[in-house]
Amino acid sequence: MNELFTTNETAEILGISPVAVANLLRDKKLPGIKKRGDDGIDRWFIRREDVALYCAGLAIFNMLQHKARIRGQAVEEGVPL
């Protein structure tokens, strides 16, 4: 299945704002497809698989941060993805 989500739908799935999704797209941290609508306006769409991969990567990063904290290691704050 090659389902495409809008930036608003992706934001809802990720629990972030549509502006944050736009920033992820701009920074190439989340791949997207830009399509021009019948109204002549370009809009971003994100494949379901790419949203799932982003979520998986974020979960792994959070797990590694948690393990590092437990071991008393220095942990860089923020989301590098």
Foldseek 3Di string as FASTA:
>chain_A
DWDKDFLCRLCVVVVHHSVVSVVCCVVVVFPWDWDQDPVRDIGTIHTPVRSVVSVVVQVVLVVVQVVCVVVVHDHDDDDPD
